[in-house]
N, C-alpha and C. Protein backbone atom coordinates (compact mmCIF):
# COMPACT_ATOMS: atom_id res chain seq x y z
N MET A 1 -29.88 -99.40 146.43
CA MET A 1 -29.09 -99.03 145.30
C MET A 1 -29.67 -99.60 144.00
N GLN A 2 -30.47 -100.61 144.07
CA GLN A 2 -31.04 -101.20 142.86
C GLN A 2 -32.10 -100.31 142.23
N ALA A 3 -32.53 -99.28 142.92
CA ALA A 3 -33.53 -98.38 142.36
C ALA A 3 -32.91 -97.37 141.40
N ILE A 4 -31.60 -97.32 141.33
CA ILE A 4 -30.93 -96.40 140.40
C ILE A 4 -31.11 -96.93 138.99
N PHE A 5 -31.51 -96.09 138.07
CA PHE A 5 -31.66 -96.57 136.71
C PHE A 5 -31.01 -95.66 135.69
N GLY A 6 -29.84 -95.18 135.99
CA GLY A 6 -29.03 -94.53 134.98
C GLY A 6 -28.91 -93.05 135.11
N LYS A 7 -29.69 -92.30 134.39
CA LYS A 7 -29.44 -90.88 134.20
C LYS A 7 -30.59 -90.05 134.78
N ASP A 8 -30.22 -89.12 135.60
CA ASP A 8 -31.17 -88.13 136.09
C ASP A 8 -30.43 -86.82 136.19
N SER A 9 -30.23 -86.18 135.05
CA SER A 9 -29.45 -84.95 135.03
C SER A 9 -30.07 -83.97 134.06
N GLY A 10 -29.42 -82.85 133.89
CA GLY A 10 -29.93 -81.80 133.05
C GLY A 10 -29.47 -81.88 131.61
N PHE A 11 -28.93 -82.99 131.17
CA PHE A 11 -28.50 -83.10 129.77
C PHE A 11 -29.73 -82.96 128.87
N GLY A 12 -29.59 -82.15 127.83
CA GLY A 12 -30.75 -81.81 127.03
C GLY A 12 -31.07 -82.75 125.90
N SER A 13 -30.08 -83.21 125.15
CA SER A 13 -30.40 -83.99 123.96
C SER A 13 -30.09 -85.46 124.18
N ILE A 14 -30.68 -86.29 123.34
CA ILE A 14 -30.45 -87.73 123.42
C ILE A 14 -29.01 -88.07 123.05
N GLY A 15 -28.36 -87.20 122.28
CA GLY A 15 -26.97 -87.43 121.93
C GLY A 15 -26.03 -87.33 123.11
N ASP A 16 -26.45 -86.66 124.17
CA ASP A 16 -25.63 -86.53 125.37
C ASP A 16 -25.75 -87.75 126.28
N TYR A 17 -26.72 -88.61 126.03
CA TYR A 17 -26.96 -89.75 126.92
C TYR A 17 -25.77 -90.69 127.03
N PRO A 18 -25.12 -91.11 125.92
CA PRO A 18 -23.98 -92.04 126.07
C PRO A 18 -22.86 -91.47 126.93
N ARG A 19 -22.59 -90.18 126.80
CA ARG A 19 -21.55 -89.56 127.61
C ARG A 19 -21.97 -89.55 129.08
N ALA A 20 -23.22 -89.21 129.37
CA ALA A 20 -23.71 -89.19 130.75
C ALA A 20 -23.69 -90.59 131.34
N ALA A 21 -24.06 -91.59 130.55
CA ALA A 21 -24.05 -92.97 131.03
C ALA A 21 -22.63 -93.41 131.35
N CYS A 22 -21.68 -93.00 130.52
CA CYS A 22 -20.28 -93.33 130.77
C CYS A 22 -19.80 -92.70 132.07
N TYR A 23 -20.12 -91.44 132.29
CA TYR A 23 -19.76 -90.77 133.53
C TYR A 23 -20.41 -91.45 134.73
N PHE A 24 -21.66 -91.82 134.59
CA PHE A 24 -22.37 -92.49 135.68
C PHE A 24 -21.68 -93.80 136.04
N ARG A 25 -21.35 -94.62 135.03
CA ARG A 25 -20.66 -95.89 135.29
C ARG A 25 -19.31 -95.66 135.94
N ARG A 26 -18.58 -94.66 135.48
CA ARG A 26 -17.26 -94.37 136.04
C ARG A 26 -17.37 -93.97 137.51
N ILE A 27 -18.31 -93.11 137.82
CA ILE A 27 -18.51 -92.69 139.21
C ILE A 27 -18.95 -93.87 140.07
N LEU A 28 -19.89 -94.66 139.55
CA LEU A 28 -20.37 -95.83 140.29
C LEU A 28 -19.23 -96.80 140.57
N CYS A 29 -18.40 -97.07 139.58
CA CYS A 29 -17.28 -97.99 139.77
C CYS A 29 -16.26 -97.44 140.75
N ASN A 30 -16.03 -96.13 140.71
CA ASN A 30 -15.11 -95.51 141.68
C ASN A 30 -15.64 -95.65 143.10
N ILE A 31 -16.93 -95.43 143.27
CA ILE A 31 -17.54 -95.59 144.61
C ILE A 31 -17.41 -97.02 145.09
N PHE A 32 -17.74 -97.97 144.21
CA PHE A 32 -17.64 -99.37 144.60
C PHE A 32 -16.19 -99.75 144.90
N GLY A 33 -15.24 -99.25 144.12
CA GLY A 33 -13.83 -99.53 144.37
C GLY A 33 -13.37 -99.02 145.72
N GLN A 34 -13.79 -97.81 146.08
CA GLN A 34 -13.45 -97.25 147.38
C GLN A 34 -14.07 -98.07 148.50
N GLU A 35 -15.31 -98.49 148.30
CA GLU A 35 -15.98 -99.28 149.34
C GLU A 35 -15.34 -100.67 149.47
N MET A 36 -14.84 -101.22 148.38
CA MET A 36 -14.12 -102.49 148.45
C MET A 36 -12.81 -102.32 149.22
N GLU A 37 -12.08 -101.23 148.92
CA GLU A 37 -10.82 -100.97 149.62
C GLU A 37 -11.05 -100.74 151.12
N ASN A 38 -12.15 -100.14 151.47
CA ASN A 38 -12.47 -99.87 152.88
C ASN A 38 -13.12 -101.07 153.57
N GLY A 39 -13.34 -102.14 152.85
CA GLY A 39 -13.92 -103.34 153.44
C GLY A 39 -15.43 -103.30 153.60
N LEU A 40 -16.08 -102.32 152.98
CA LEU A 40 -17.53 -102.23 153.08
C LEU A 40 -18.25 -103.12 152.07
N LEU A 41 -17.57 -103.49 151.01
CA LEU A 41 -18.08 -104.43 150.01
C LEU A 41 -17.08 -105.56 149.86
N PRO A 42 -17.54 -106.75 149.53
CA PRO A 42 -16.59 -107.86 149.34
C PRO A 42 -15.70 -107.59 148.14
N GLY A 43 -14.48 -108.09 148.19
CA GLY A 43 -13.52 -107.89 147.11
C GLY A 43 -13.66 -108.88 145.99
N GLU A 44 -14.85 -109.28 145.68
CA GLU A 44 -15.11 -110.27 144.63
C GLU A 44 -15.49 -109.52 143.35
N LEU A 45 -14.54 -109.41 142.42
CA LEU A 45 -14.77 -108.64 141.20
C LEU A 45 -15.94 -109.17 140.36
N PRO A 46 -16.11 -110.49 140.20
CA PRO A 46 -17.27 -110.94 139.41
C PRO A 46 -18.60 -110.49 140.01
N TRP A 47 -18.72 -110.51 141.32
CA TRP A 47 -19.95 -110.09 141.98
C TRP A 47 -20.18 -108.59 141.79
N ILE A 48 -19.13 -107.80 141.99
CA ILE A 48 -19.24 -106.35 141.80
C ILE A 48 -19.56 -106.04 140.35
N GLY A 49 -18.94 -106.76 139.42
CA GLY A 49 -19.21 -106.56 137.99
C GLY A 49 -20.67 -106.83 137.65
N GLN A 50 -21.22 -107.88 138.22
CA GLN A 50 -22.63 -108.19 137.97
C GLN A 50 -23.54 -107.12 138.57
N LEU A 51 -23.17 -106.60 139.72
CA LEU A 51 -23.96 -105.55 140.35
C LEU A 51 -23.97 -104.27 139.50
N VAL A 52 -22.79 -103.89 139.00
CA VAL A 52 -22.70 -102.70 138.14
C VAL A 52 -23.49 -102.93 136.86
N GLN A 53 -23.37 -104.11 136.29
CA GLN A 53 -24.11 -104.43 135.07
C GLN A 53 -25.62 -104.37 135.32
N TYR A 54 -26.05 -104.88 136.45
CA TYR A 54 -27.48 -104.84 136.76
C TYR A 54 -27.97 -103.40 136.88
N ILE A 55 -27.22 -102.59 137.61
CA ILE A 55 -27.64 -101.20 137.83
C ILE A 55 -27.63 -100.43 136.52
N CYS A 56 -26.59 -100.59 135.72
CA CYS A 56 -26.42 -99.77 134.52
C CYS A 56 -27.19 -100.27 133.30
N ARG A 57 -27.51 -101.54 133.25
CA ARG A 57 -28.16 -102.07 132.06
C ARG A 57 -29.52 -102.67 132.32
N TYR A 58 -29.56 -103.68 133.16
CA TYR A 58 -30.79 -104.44 133.33
C TYR A 58 -31.87 -103.66 134.06
N ASN A 59 -31.47 -102.80 134.99
CA ASN A 59 -32.45 -102.00 135.71
C ASN A 59 -33.15 -101.04 134.76
N VAL A 60 -32.38 -100.43 133.85
CA VAL A 60 -32.95 -99.53 132.85
C VAL A 60 -33.86 -100.32 131.90
N LYS A 61 -33.39 -101.48 131.48
CA LYS A 61 -34.19 -102.31 130.56
C LYS A 61 -35.52 -102.68 131.20
N GLY A 62 -35.51 -103.05 132.46
CA GLY A 62 -36.75 -103.37 133.16
C GLY A 62 -37.65 -102.17 133.33
N TYR A 63 -37.05 -101.02 133.58
CA TYR A 63 -37.84 -99.79 133.72
C TYR A 63 -38.51 -99.43 132.41
N ILE A 64 -37.78 -99.54 131.32
CA ILE A 64 -38.35 -99.23 130.00
C ILE A 64 -39.48 -100.19 129.68
N ASN A 65 -39.30 -101.48 129.92
CA ASN A 65 -40.38 -102.45 129.67
C ASN A 65 -41.59 -102.14 130.55
N PHE A 66 -41.35 -101.72 131.77
CA PHE A 66 -42.45 -101.39 132.67
C PHE A 66 -43.27 -100.23 132.12
N THR A 67 -42.60 -99.19 131.65
CA THR A 67 -43.34 -98.03 131.16
C THR A 67 -44.03 -98.35 129.84
N GLN A 68 -43.44 -99.18 128.99
CA GLN A 68 -44.08 -99.54 127.74
C GLN A 68 -45.33 -100.38 127.96
N ASN A 69 -45.28 -101.24 128.95
CA ASN A 69 -46.44 -102.09 129.24
C ASN A 69 -47.61 -101.30 129.81
N GLN A 70 -47.34 -100.14 130.35
CA GLN A 70 -48.39 -99.32 130.92
C GLN A 70 -49.10 -98.46 129.89
N LEU A 71 -48.57 -98.38 128.68
CA LEU A 71 -49.18 -97.53 127.64
C LEU A 71 -50.43 -98.16 127.08
């Protein structure tokens, strides 16, 4: 799951990115919430919050730095 880095959709303009990112986070949080309720993930909100933050923010930041360093 750590390989997810945000948006991979057909949105055309950069102005659509914030809306797509919001939808992505909402779907991700819903999935994690369901998995917590089903006992597949621990019910520790700080841990889940850090995981969502890593996937939605830091993974993208690392990916961007990686591509910039290759130029």
